[in-house]
Amino acid sequence: MTDGKVSVEMLPVGTIVDYKETLEAVGAGLLDGHICDSSYWAGKDPAFGLIANPVGAWSDPAQMIDFVENGGGKELMRELEAPYCVHFIGVSTPGLEAFVSKVPLDGVDDLKGLKMRSPEGPIANVFRAAGAAPVNLPASEVYTALDKGVIDAADYSVFSVNQEVGMNEVAPHPVYPGFHSLPLVEISMNQAKWDALPEDIQQAFYDSIKVFQEDQVGGLKERDLAAIETAKAEGITVHDWPADERAKFRAIAKEEWKSLAEGSPMAQKVYDTLTAYLTENGLLN
């Protein structure tokens, strides 16, 4: 796209700084840019956590991507990262997580009393508000906890990963597409470095990130759909919540978003923009 004018060297996580320190490292020029989950910065401002993974908001990666690109999300990200001398370029996502379950789950009412694994924080708070009983377990203990009946369900990973590691063998009622978690992955650059690029090179970055996004999201969907066919052939029952049940869960999650919005002026701004987008697109009543 740049006829060899630009080369990008990708470094393994932790090569220069810890993965939770790259925002400052990019701003300081130790790194020219990064690709990372924006929720890592939630401790700096709850707005990062709210925009990066608003629990229950999305049922498809296309919804989150449209929010970022056309619904005010990228403007919020740029405003959030400007104080760190970082320019938000674009977005991708590792995908919408499936939900692991030993018991049939066809809607919000089925969450009541459900013993499940969930990380502490907003995700656990939302499930608790929906009537579930979340517990915090390391990922390494989830399979055994499901197998022994310590828990009946889990927030774990995307469908293809769940299938690969055997989660669906011990929990044969997965929900796909998931309804709870879709992380935002940002691609950002040092602001001064970005400003020094000519417009055609900046456009090449926008274009290449769009290709990266389409490849990542499309590739994951292909793997998930192939894994679903394998799972069904093995007798696994895949549950897909109807839109009205997803909306019910989203309405419960909205109360947690509202709580997070009280944490900072930018978090409130994210909440207002997010809920306006969801309402305008018929995803939130």
Foldseek 3Di string as FASTA:
>chain_A
DCVPPDDDDDDDACPQHHPLCVLLCQQVVVDFWDKFFQCSCCVVAVLSVCLFKLWQQDLWQVLNQCCCPPLCNLVLVQVVSVVSQKHFQGKAWLTQAKKFFQDADQFLVVLAAFEEEDDDDLLCVLSVLSHHHYDHDPLVCRQVCLQVVVGGIYRHGHQLVCLVVVRCVSGQEMEPPHRTTIGMITIMGRNVVLVPDDPVVSVVVNVVVVVVRCCSRVVSVVSNVVSVVVSVVVVRHYHYHDLVRSQVSSVSSLVSLVVSCVRDVSSVVSSVSSVVSCVVVVSYD
